[in-house]
N, C-alpha and C. Protein backbone atom coordinates (compact mmCIF):
# COMPACT_ATOMS: atom_id res chain seq x y z
N MET A 1 89.80 95.64 89.86
CA MET A 1 88.96 96.58 89.57
C MET A 1 87.58 95.72 89.49
N LYS A 2 87.24 96.90 89.62
CA LYS A 2 85.45 96.84 89.97
C LYS A 2 84.91 96.20 88.27
N ASN A 3 85.09 97.40 87.73
CA ASN A 3 84.85 97.01 86.59
C ASN A 3 85.44 97.96 85.39
N GLU A 4 85.87 96.67 84.01
CA GLU A 4 86.68 96.58 83.30
C GLU A 4 85.98 97.16 82.05
N VAL A 5 86.81 98.14 81.31
CA VAL A 5 86.01 98.97 80.87
C VAL A 5 86.04 97.58 79.92
N ASP A 6 84.76 98.25 78.64
CA ASP A 6 84.41 97.40 77.53
C ASP A 6 85.92 97.54 76.44
N LYS A 7 85.83 95.85 76.23
CA LYS A 7 86.74 95.15 75.17
C LYS A 7 86.60 95.80 73.83
N GLN A 8 85.26 96.56 73.35
CA GLN A 8 85.11 97.21 72.03
C GLN A 8 86.40 98.22 72.50
N TRP A 9 86.53 98.94 72.95
CA TRP A 9 87.14 100.39 72.85
C TRP A 9 88.55 99.96 73.06
N ILE A 10 89.17 99.11 74.16
CA ILE A 10 90.57 98.38 73.98
C ILE A 10 90.58 97.93 72.82
N ALA A 11 89.86 97.46 72.13
CA ALA A 11 90.22 97.52 70.32
C ALA A 11 90.68 98.06 69.62
N LYS A 12 89.60 98.84 69.67
CA LYS A 12 89.31 100.38 68.99
C LYS A 12 90.67 101.17 69.36
N ALA A 13 91.62 101.22 69.93
CA ALA A 13 92.25 102.26 71.10
C ALA A 13 94.00 100.97 70.39
N GLN A 14 93.59 100.15 70.40
CA GLN A 14 95.00 98.83 70.23
C GLN A 14 95.31 99.46 67.73
N GLN A 15 94.35 100.04 67.78
CA GLN A 15 94.02 99.97 66.31
C GLN A 15 93.90 101.94 66.02
N GLY A 16 94.72 102.48 67.21
CA GLY A 16 95.09 103.66 66.82
C GLY A 16 94.30 104.64 66.49
N ASP A 17 92.83 103.99 67.15
CA ASP A 17 91.49 105.36 67.43
C ASP A 17 91.51 106.52 69.02
N ALA A 18 91.81 107.35 68.45
CA ALA A 18 91.91 108.13 69.65
C ALA A 18 90.70 108.02 70.43
N LEU A 19 89.45 108.77 69.80
CA LEU A 19 88.52 108.40 70.87
C LEU A 19 87.86 107.31 71.59
N ALA A 20 88.38 106.27 71.23
CA ALA A 20 88.71 104.62 71.92
C ALA A 20 89.42 105.11 73.17
N PHE A 21 90.70 105.09 73.05
CA PHE A 21 91.19 105.06 74.34
C PHE A 21 90.91 107.06 74.94
N ARG A 22 89.79 107.68 75.37
CA ARG A 22 89.72 108.67 75.54
C ARG A 22 88.57 107.88 76.12
N GLN A 23 87.92 107.25 75.93
CA GLN A 23 87.10 106.58 76.61
C GLN A 23 87.89 105.76 78.16
N ILE A 24 88.88 105.04 77.56
CA ILE A 24 89.86 104.17 78.60
C ILE A 24 90.23 105.16 79.94
N VAL A 25 90.35 106.03 79.54
CA VAL A 25 91.42 107.09 79.69
C VAL A 25 90.45 107.96 80.89
N LEU A 26 88.91 108.32 80.59
CA LEU A 26 87.53 108.53 81.31
C LEU A 26 86.90 107.06 81.92
N HIS A 27 87.64 105.91 81.64
CA HIS A 27 87.53 105.48 82.40
C HIS A 27 88.24 104.94 83.92
N TYR A 28 89.86 105.21 83.96
CA TYR A 28 90.47 104.77 84.30
C TYR A 28 90.67 105.68 85.51
N ALA A 29 90.91 107.26 84.78
CA ALA A 29 91.70 108.36 85.51
C ALA A 29 91.84 107.92 87.26
N LYS A 30 90.56 108.00 87.57
CA LYS A 30 90.01 108.08 89.24
C LYS A 30 91.90 106.99 89.87
N ALA A 31 91.35 105.79 88.90
CA ALA A 31 92.17 104.66 89.38
C ALA A 31 93.53 105.04 89.26
N VAL A 32 94.05 105.54 88.09
CA VAL A 32 95.53 105.57 88.60
C VAL A 32 95.81 106.77 89.01
N ASN A 33 95.10 107.63 89.08
CA ASN A 33 95.63 109.02 90.11
C ASN A 33 95.69 108.16 91.31
N ALA A 34 94.73 107.63 92.26
CA ALA A 34 94.84 106.75 93.27
C ALA A 34 95.84 106.09 93.35
N LEU A 35 96.17 105.56 92.32
CA LEU A 35 97.60 104.84 92.59
C LEU A 35 98.43 105.41 92.91
N ALA A 36 98.91 106.18 91.83
CA ALA A 36 99.64 107.81 92.39
C ALA A 36 99.89 108.57 93.18
N TYR A 37 99.54 108.35 93.18
CA TYR A 37 98.55 109.42 94.88
C TYR A 37 98.92 108.36 95.75
N ARG A 38 98.87 107.99 95.74
CA ARG A 38 99.68 106.41 97.51
C ARG A 38 100.90 106.22 97.09
N TYR A 39 101.89 106.17 95.88
CA TYR A 39 103.11 106.38 95.82
C TYR A 39 103.49 107.78 96.41
N THR A 40 102.75 109.10 96.12
CA THR A 40 103.75 110.16 96.31
C THR A 40 103.77 110.78 96.96
N ALA A 41 102.51 110.62 97.46
CA ALA A 41 101.16 111.50 98.79
C ALA A 41 101.56 113.04 98.45
N ASP A 42 101.07 113.31 97.31
CA ASP A 42 101.03 114.89 95.99
C ASP A 42 100.48 114.86 95.29
N ALA A 43 99.33 115.36 95.76
CA ALA A 43 98.67 115.56 94.66
C ALA A 43 99.44 116.55 92.98
N GLN A 44 99.68 116.91 92.57
CA GLN A 44 100.86 117.46 91.75
C GLN A 44 100.92 116.26 90.87
N HIS A 45 102.48 116.14 91.54
CA HIS A 45 103.11 115.03 91.26
C HIS A 45 102.18 113.71 90.66
N ALA A 46 101.45 113.79 92.01
CA ALA A 46 100.30 111.68 90.89
C ALA A 46 99.75 112.65 89.41
N GLU A 47 99.14 113.82 89.39
CA GLU A 47 98.57 114.52 88.20
C GLU A 47 99.17 114.32 87.68
N ASP A 48 100.96 114.31 87.39
CA ASP A 48 101.77 114.26 85.96
C ASP A 48 102.12 112.59 86.63
N ILE A 49 101.83 111.81 87.09
CA ILE A 49 102.89 110.57 86.83
C ILE A 49 100.73 109.77 86.29
N SER A 50 100.09 109.98 86.06
CA SER A 50 98.70 109.99 85.49
C SER A 50 98.76 110.07 84.10
N GLN A 51 99.20 111.35 84.00
CA GLN A 51 99.37 111.56 82.52
C GLN A 51 101.04 111.24 81.09
N ASP A 52 101.68 110.96 82.29
CA ASP A 52 102.67 110.41 81.74
C ASP A 52 102.12 107.98 81.46
N THR A 53 101.48 108.08 82.79
CA THR A 53 100.84 106.88 82.36
C THR A 53 99.31 106.61 81.61
N PHE A 54 98.83 107.58 81.19
CA PHE A 54 98.49 107.13 79.83
C PHE A 54 98.76 107.73 78.47
N ILE A 55 100.21 108.26 78.78
CA ILE A 55 100.88 108.53 77.48
C ILE A 55 101.42 107.34 77.19
N LYS A 56 101.76 106.59 78.00
CA LYS A 56 103.11 105.49 77.94
C LYS A 56 101.77 104.56 77.13
N ALA A 57 100.78 104.24 78.18
CA ALA A 57 99.64 102.96 77.62
C ALA A 57 99.09 103.63 76.73
N PHE A 58 99.12 104.66 75.82
CA PHE A 58 98.40 104.72 74.57
C PHE A 58 99.71 103.67 73.88
N GLN A 59 100.41 104.57 73.86
CA GLN A 59 102.34 104.14 72.85
C GLN A 59 102.01 102.88 73.15
N ALA A 60 101.84 102.20 74.12
CA ALA A 60 101.89 100.86 74.33
C ALA A 60 100.81 99.33 74.04
N MET A 61 99.82 100.34 72.93
CA MET A 61 98.38 100.26 73.47
C MET A 61 98.14 98.63 72.99
N SER A 62 99.79 98.83 71.28
CA SER A 62 99.39 97.43 70.51
C SER A 62 100.05 96.06 71.50
N ARG A 63 101.09 97.24 71.89
CA ARG A 63 101.88 95.33 72.61
C ARG A 63 100.82 94.89 73.64
N TYR A 64 99.69 95.52 74.03
CA TYR A 64 98.31 94.81 75.42
C TYR A 64 97.57 93.42 74.70
N ARG A 65 97.76 92.85 75.86
CA ARG A 65 97.63 91.11 75.29
C ARG A 65 95.54 90.93 76.21
N SER A 66 95.52 90.90 74.96
CA SER A 66 94.03 90.46 75.78
C SER A 66 93.84 89.55 76.93
N ASP A 67 94.77 88.56 76.63
CA ASP A 67 94.49 87.00 77.77
C ASP A 67 94.63 87.99 79.17
N PHE A 68 95.14 88.68 79.38
CA PHE A 68 95.53 89.84 80.76
C PHE A 68 94.06 90.47 81.48
N LYS A 69 93.75 91.03 82.14
CA LYS A 69 93.32 91.54 82.35
C LYS A 69 93.68 93.36 81.98
N PHE A 70 93.22 94.00 82.22
CA PHE A 70 93.27 95.59 81.40
C PHE A 70 93.65 96.63 82.30
N SER A 71 93.29 96.76 83.83
CA SER A 71 93.28 97.40 84.62
C SER A 71 94.96 96.40 85.31
N THR A 72 95.08 95.92 85.47
CA THR A 72 95.84 95.08 85.77
C THR A 72 97.37 95.91 84.82
N TRP A 73 96.92 95.33 83.65
CA TRP A 73 98.18 95.62 82.45
C TRP A 73 98.68 97.20 83.53
N LEU A 74 97.41 98.74 83.02
CA LEU A 74 97.58 99.74 83.24
C LEU A 74 97.44 100.25 84.49
N LEU A 75 97.51 99.79 85.79
CA LEU A 75 98.38 100.09 86.54
C LEU A 75 99.62 99.74 87.34
N ARG A 76 100.15 98.26 86.20
CA ARG A 76 101.15 98.20 86.33
C ARG A 76 101.91 98.93 86.16
N ILE A 77 101.40 100.12 84.66
CA ILE A 77 101.97 100.67 84.22
C ILE A 77 102.71 102.29 85.57
N THR A 78 101.24 102.17 86.19
CA THR A 78 101.15 102.95 86.78
C THR A 78 102.23 103.22 88.02
N THR A 79 102.44 101.94 88.74
CA THR A 79 103.28 101.69 89.11
C THR A 79 104.75 101.67 88.30
N ASN A 80 105.34 101.43 88.17
CA ASN A 80 106.31 101.64 87.05
C ASN A 80 106.45 103.35 86.98
N THR A 81 105.85 104.11 86.20
CA THR A 81 105.70 104.96 85.98
C THR A 81 106.15 105.75 87.34
N SER A 82 105.23 105.66 88.41
CA SER A 82 105.68 106.07 89.55
C SER A 82 107.01 105.40 90.21
N ILE A 83 107.44 104.37 89.92
CA ILE A 83 108.07 104.90 90.78
C ILE A 83 109.71 105.39 89.89
N ASP A 84 109.25 105.18 88.36
CA ASP A 84 110.32 106.44 87.48
C ASP A 84 110.45 107.92 88.32
N HIS A 85 109.26 108.19 88.02
CA HIS A 85 109.01 109.44 88.94
C HIS A 85 109.95 109.94 90.41
N ILE A 86 109.65 109.13 90.88
CA ILE A 86 109.91 109.02 92.69
C ILE A 86 112.22 109.24 92.35
N ARG A 87 112.50 108.04 91.52
CA ARG A 87 114.09 107.82 91.49
C ARG A 87 114.36 109.44 90.37
N LYS A 88 114.01 109.83 90.06
CA LYS A 88 114.27 111.34 88.97
C LYS A 88 113.81 112.17 90.16
N ALA A 89 113.47 112.03 91.06
CA ALA A 89 113.04 113.64 91.94
C ALA A 89 114.27 113.43 92.87
N ASN A 90 114.41 112.11 93.13
CA ASN A 90 115.66 111.97 94.10
C ASN A 90 116.92 111.91 93.69
N ARG A 91 117.26 111.51 92.81
CA ARG A 91 118.17 112.19 92.31
C ARG A 91 117.99 113.39 91.69
N GLU A 92 117.37 114.54 91.33
CA GLU A 92 117.16 115.38 90.47
C GLU A 92 117.64 115.98 92.04
N MET A 93 116.65 115.94 93.66
CA MET A 93 117.06 116.31 94.40
C MET A 93 115.91 117.70 94.38
N ALA A 94 114.84 117.49 92.89
CA ALA A 94 114.32 118.81 93.12
C ALA A 94 112.95 118.58 93.88
N VAL A 95 112.67 118.11 94.40
CA VAL A 95 111.42 118.14 95.01
C VAL A 95 111.57 117.53 96.10
N SER A 96 111.19 118.33 97.36
CA SER A 96 110.68 117.58 98.60
C SER A 96 109.30 117.07 98.78
N LEU A 97 109.68 116.02 99.83
CA LEU A 97 108.78 115.31 100.37
C LEU A 97 107.49 116.74 101.24
N ASN A 98 106.83 116.28 101.15
CA ASN A 98 105.97 117.20 101.56
C ASN A 98 105.24 116.23 103.02
N THR A 99 105.68 116.60 104.27
CA THR A 99 105.25 116.60 105.50
C THR A 99 103.54 116.39 106.72
N GLU A 100 102.85 116.61 105.38
CA GLU A 100 101.73 116.87 106.01
C GLU A 100 100.64 116.01 104.77
N ALA A 101 99.01 115.92 105.12
CA ALA A 101 98.67 114.55 104.42
C ALA A 101 98.34 115.38 102.72
N GLN A 102 98.01 115.44 101.40
CA GLN A 102 97.32 115.95 100.68
C GLN A 102 96.07 115.25 100.61
N GLN A 103 95.11 115.78 100.36
CA GLN A 103 93.41 114.19 100.01
C GLN A 103 93.28 114.28 98.97
N ILE A 104 92.73 113.16 98.49
CA ILE A 104 92.82 112.85 97.28
C ILE A 104 90.97 113.47 96.85
N ASP A 105 91.16 113.76 95.83
CA ASP A 105 89.14 114.66 95.18
C ASP A 105 88.49 113.96 94.74
N VAL A 106 87.68 112.65 95.94
CA VAL A 106 87.11 111.69 95.23
C VAL A 106 85.97 111.98 95.03
N PRO A 107 84.94 111.87 94.58
CA PRO A 107 83.57 112.15 94.44
C PRO A 107 82.89 111.61 95.46
N GLU A 108 82.80 110.22 95.54
CA GLU A 108 82.46 109.24 95.78
C GLU A 108 82.37 109.20 97.32
N MET A 109 83.39 110.69 98.55
CA MET A 109 83.42 110.20 99.93
C MET A 109 82.59 109.90 100.41
N HIS A 110 80.94 110.08 99.93
CA HIS A 110 79.91 110.39 100.16
C HIS A 110 79.01 109.26 100.89
N GLN A 111 79.47 108.09 99.84
CA GLN A 111 79.41 106.52 100.52
C GLN A 111 80.41 105.77 101.23
N ILE A 112 81.31 106.34 101.40
CA ILE A 112 82.10 105.55 102.85
C ILE A 112 81.45 106.55 103.94
N PRO A 113 81.88 105.76 105.09
CA PRO A 113 81.56 105.79 106.25
C PRO A 113 82.27 106.63 107.35
N ALA A 114 82.13 107.11 107.87
CA ALA A 114 82.54 108.28 108.41
C ALA A 114 83.75 107.51 109.14
N LYS A 115 83.28 106.79 109.94
CA LYS A 115 84.87 105.95 110.61
C LYS A 115 86.03 105.67 109.53
N GLN A 116 85.68 105.27 108.59
CA GLN A 116 86.15 104.64 107.56
C GLN A 116 87.19 105.92 106.84
N HIS A 117 86.16 107.05 106.75
CA HIS A 117 87.16 108.23 106.16
C HIS A 117 88.16 108.43 106.62
N GLU A 118 87.78 108.64 108.10
CA GLU A 118 88.82 109.01 109.11
C GLU A 118 89.66 108.36 109.16
N LEU A 119 89.54 106.89 109.32
CA LEU A 119 90.76 105.82 109.39
C LEU A 119 91.72 105.83 107.89
N GLN A 120 90.58 106.55 106.65
CA GLN A 120 91.85 106.61 106.17
C GLN A 120 92.29 108.02 105.84
N ASP A 121 91.31 108.91 106.41
CA ASP A 121 92.83 110.25 106.49
C ASP A 121 93.99 109.95 107.41
N SER A 122 93.22 109.42 108.40
CA SER A 122 94.82 108.95 109.24
C SER A 122 95.68 108.20 108.88
N LEU A 123 95.72 107.20 107.99
CA LEU A 123 96.25 105.87 106.99
C LEU A 123 97.25 106.77 106.29
N GLY A 124 96.05 108.07 104.76
CA GLY A 124 97.27 109.13 104.57
C GLY A 124 97.99 110.56 105.44
N HIS A 125 97.70 110.74 105.92
CA HIS A 125 98.55 111.12 106.75
C HIS A 125 100.17 110.12 107.16
N ALA A 126 99.80 110.15 108.27
CA ALA A 126 100.91 108.03 108.76
C ALA A 126 102.16 107.97 107.35
N MET A 127 101.29 107.68 106.07
CA MET A 127 101.62 107.47 105.04
C MET A 127 102.85 108.74 104.22
N SER A 128 102.14 109.92 104.36
CA SER A 128 102.72 111.36 103.37
C SER A 128 104.62 111.07 104.72
N ARG A 129 104.33 110.76 106.06
CA ARG A 129 105.84 111.59 106.48
C ARG A 129 106.56 109.94 106.55
N LEU A 130 106.47 109.05 105.72
CA LEU A 130 107.32 107.56 105.52
C LEU A 130 108.27 108.31 104.16
N THR A 131 109.41 107.80 104.08
CA THR A 131 110.15 108.18 103.35
C THR A 131 109.42 107.36 102.01
N ALA A 132 110.25 108.80 100.62
CA ALA A 132 110.18 108.10 99.51
C ALA A 132 110.08 105.94 99.64
N VAL A 133 111.59 105.93 100.33
CA VAL A 133 111.11 104.67 99.72
C VAL A 133 110.29 103.05 100.73
N GLU A 134 109.95 104.04 101.75
CA GLU A 134 109.26 103.36 102.82
C GLU A 134 108.28 103.40 102.02
N ARG A 135 107.19 104.36 102.01
CA ARG A 135 106.19 104.50 101.20
C ARG A 135 106.24 103.82 99.51
N LEU A 136 106.51 103.78 99.48
CA LEU A 136 106.68 103.18 97.69
C LEU A 136 106.91 101.46 98.27
N ALA A 137 107.54 100.94 98.88
CA ALA A 137 107.56 99.45 99.87
C ALA A 137 106.68 99.13 100.16
N ILE A 138 106.15 99.56 100.89
CA ILE A 138 104.45 99.18 101.65
C ILE A 138 102.96 99.59 100.92
N THR A 139 103.60 100.08 99.46
CA THR A 139 102.60 100.47 98.23
C THR A 139 102.55 99.12 97.94
N MET A 140 103.70 99.07 97.34
CA MET A 140 103.69 97.73 96.84
C MET A 140 103.47 96.73 96.91
N LYS A 141 103.88 95.90 98.29
CA LYS A 141 104.15 95.20 99.12
C LYS A 141 102.68 94.75 99.97
N HIS A 142 102.04 95.73 100.46
CA HIS A 142 100.80 95.69 100.97
C HIS A 142 99.65 95.63 100.06
N HIS A 143 100.07 96.72 98.68
CA HIS A 143 98.69 96.94 98.29
C HIS A 143 98.87 96.80 96.67
N GLN A 144 99.97 96.05 96.12
CA GLN A 144 99.82 95.95 94.80
C GLN A 144 99.89 94.91 95.27
N GLY A 145 100.19 94.58 95.77
CA GLY A 145 100.91 92.78 95.83
C GLY A 145 102.21 91.54 95.62
N TYR A 146 103.07 92.92 95.40
CA TYR A 146 104.30 92.74 94.87
C TYR A 146 105.24 91.76 95.87
N SER A 147 105.86 90.58 95.58
CA SER A 147 106.48 90.26 96.69
C SER A 147 107.75 90.68 96.68
N ILE A 148 107.83 89.84 98.07
CA ILE A 148 109.47 90.82 98.48
C ILE A 148 110.83 90.92 97.40
N ALA A 149 110.70 90.04 97.33
CA ALA A 149 111.92 90.12 95.47
C ALA A 149 111.21 91.43 94.62
N GLU A 150 110.13 91.20 94.56
CA GLU A 150 109.88 92.32 93.55
C GLU A 150 110.08 93.49 94.00
N THR A 151 109.51 94.21 94.96
CA THR A 151 109.41 95.08 95.54
C THR A 151 110.97 95.35 95.61
N ALA A 152 111.24 94.71 96.30
CA ALA A 152 113.10 94.68 96.21
C ALA A 152 114.15 95.14 95.07
N GLU A 153 113.70 94.02 94.76
CA GLU A 153 114.47 94.47 92.25
C GLU A 153 113.47 96.01 92.13
N LYS A 154 112.36 96.11 92.24
CA LYS A 154 111.96 97.13 91.60
C LYS A 154 112.88 98.64 91.99
N LEU A 155 112.76 97.93 93.07
CA LEU A 155 113.56 99.37 93.86
C LEU A 155 114.99 99.45 94.11
N ASN A 156 115.66 98.82 93.71
CA ASN A 156 117.00 98.01 93.31
C ASN A 156 118.15 98.77 94.56
N ILE A 157 117.37 97.65 95.38
CA ILE A 157 117.33 96.94 96.63
C ILE A 157 117.77 95.97 97.03
N ASN A 158 118.25 94.69 98.31
CA ASN A 158 118.18 93.00 97.78
C ASN A 158 117.13 93.43 99.03
N SER A 159 116.75 92.39 99.51
CA SER A 159 116.21 91.31 100.33
C SER A 159 115.80 91.80 101.54
N ASN A 160 117.18 91.83 102.39
CA ASN A 160 116.85 92.13 103.19
C ASN A 160 116.57 93.03 103.42
N ALA A 161 116.89 94.59 102.96
CA ALA A 161 117.25 96.23 102.81
C ALA A 161 115.96 96.20 102.63
N CYS A 162 114.61 95.53 101.75
CA CYS A 162 113.38 95.30 101.55
C CYS A 162 112.89 95.23 102.45
N LYS A 163 112.90 94.28 103.21
CA LYS A 163 112.61 93.70 104.28
C LYS A 163 113.17 94.90 105.54
N GLN A 164 113.73 95.35 106.04
CA GLN A 164 114.09 96.27 107.29
C GLN A 164 113.07 97.41 106.63
N THR A 165 113.25 97.39 105.65
CA THR A 165 112.39 99.14 104.90
C THR A 165 110.88 99.39 105.62
N LEU A 166 110.29 97.54 105.29
CA LEU A 166 109.23 97.19 105.04
C LEU A 166 109.16 97.15 106.97
N PHE A 167 109.69 96.42 107.39
CA PHE A 167 109.47 96.67 108.67
C PHE A 167 109.97 97.90 109.55
N ARG A 168 110.10 99.11 108.88
CA ARG A 168 110.61 100.35 109.71
C ARG A 168 109.30 101.03 108.75
N ALA A 169 108.77 101.28 107.74
CA ALA A 169 107.76 101.34 108.01
C ALA A 169 106.72 101.08 108.35
N VAL A 170 107.16 100.20 108.49
CA VAL A 170 105.34 99.57 109.16
C VAL A 170 105.16 99.60 110.82
N GLN A 171 106.72 100.21 111.35
CA GLN A 171 106.56 100.63 112.88
C GLN A 171 105.83 102.03 112.77
N LYS A 172 106.62 102.80 112.00
CA LYS A 172 106.14 104.23 111.94
C LYS A 172 104.64 104.07 111.40
N LEU A 173 104.11 103.70 110.53
CA LEU A 173 103.02 103.29 110.42
C LEU A 173 101.93 103.12 111.45
N ARG A 174 102.55 102.29 112.96
CA ARG A 174 101.34 102.15 113.92
C ARG A 174 102.13 103.42 115.02
N GLN A 175 103.08 103.34 115.41
CA GLN A 175 103.58 104.71 115.85
C GLN A 175 102.66 105.45 115.49
N GLN A 176 102.64 106.05 114.68
CA GLN A 176 101.79 107.32 114.09
C GLN A 176 100.40 106.86 114.41
N LEU A 177 100.31 106.41 113.83
CA LEU A 177 97.80 105.74 113.81
C LEU A 177 97.94 105.88 115.44
N THR A 178 98.98 104.88 116.10
CA THR A 178 98.76 105.06 117.87
C THR A 178 98.47 106.05 118.40
N SER A 179 99.33 106.41 118.10
CA SER A 179 99.80 108.42 118.60
C SER A 179 98.27 109.40 118.29
N GLU A 180 97.84 109.31 116.74
CA GLU A 180 96.56 110.00 116.09
C GLU A 180 95.57 109.59 117.35
N ALA A 181 95.19 108.00 117.77
CA ALA A 181 94.26 107.34 117.60
C ALA A 181 94.16 108.01 119.64
N SER A 182 94.96 108.63 120.02
CA SER A 182 95.30 108.25 121.55
C SER A 182 94.66 110.08 122.68
N LEU A 183 94.54 110.92 120.48
CA LEU A 183 94.35 112.26 121.09
C LEU A 183 92.81 112.14 121.15
């Protein structure tokens, strides 16, 4: 994370100061929502996960240890909340996965070169076509830096199944991106 939130806000929030925590929310809202969106490829679910993340973070502020980066701690909560959300949705079979990409509302898009913006759109579209487990595995391994073992543990699958899931997801992404590039 480029800019860590002011340590004073964290200290005040740990003492229960809701206004200080509001500053933290304002500072990290975009990053939390973007990560949740990566896991779900659904803007509404990402918003729900973001709200749950901040509620959990507020409730756990007293347990935050300042020897860790706050952003890492908060994004770990986001990852765990995303995984819980997807597991719940799969169990209840109440959420159908979208097959078309939805864009993240990022005000700084004008700062991203057009070619990179197109690549991000293509990747987002390709990611939305993966299964929930494949999307989780790719995001955890390649975007969050989890190991195969950590990813497998979080997904409740064995390491070999995790490797196969990652391989299959990469193959699908490669195929979709290659076919889009040829258009």
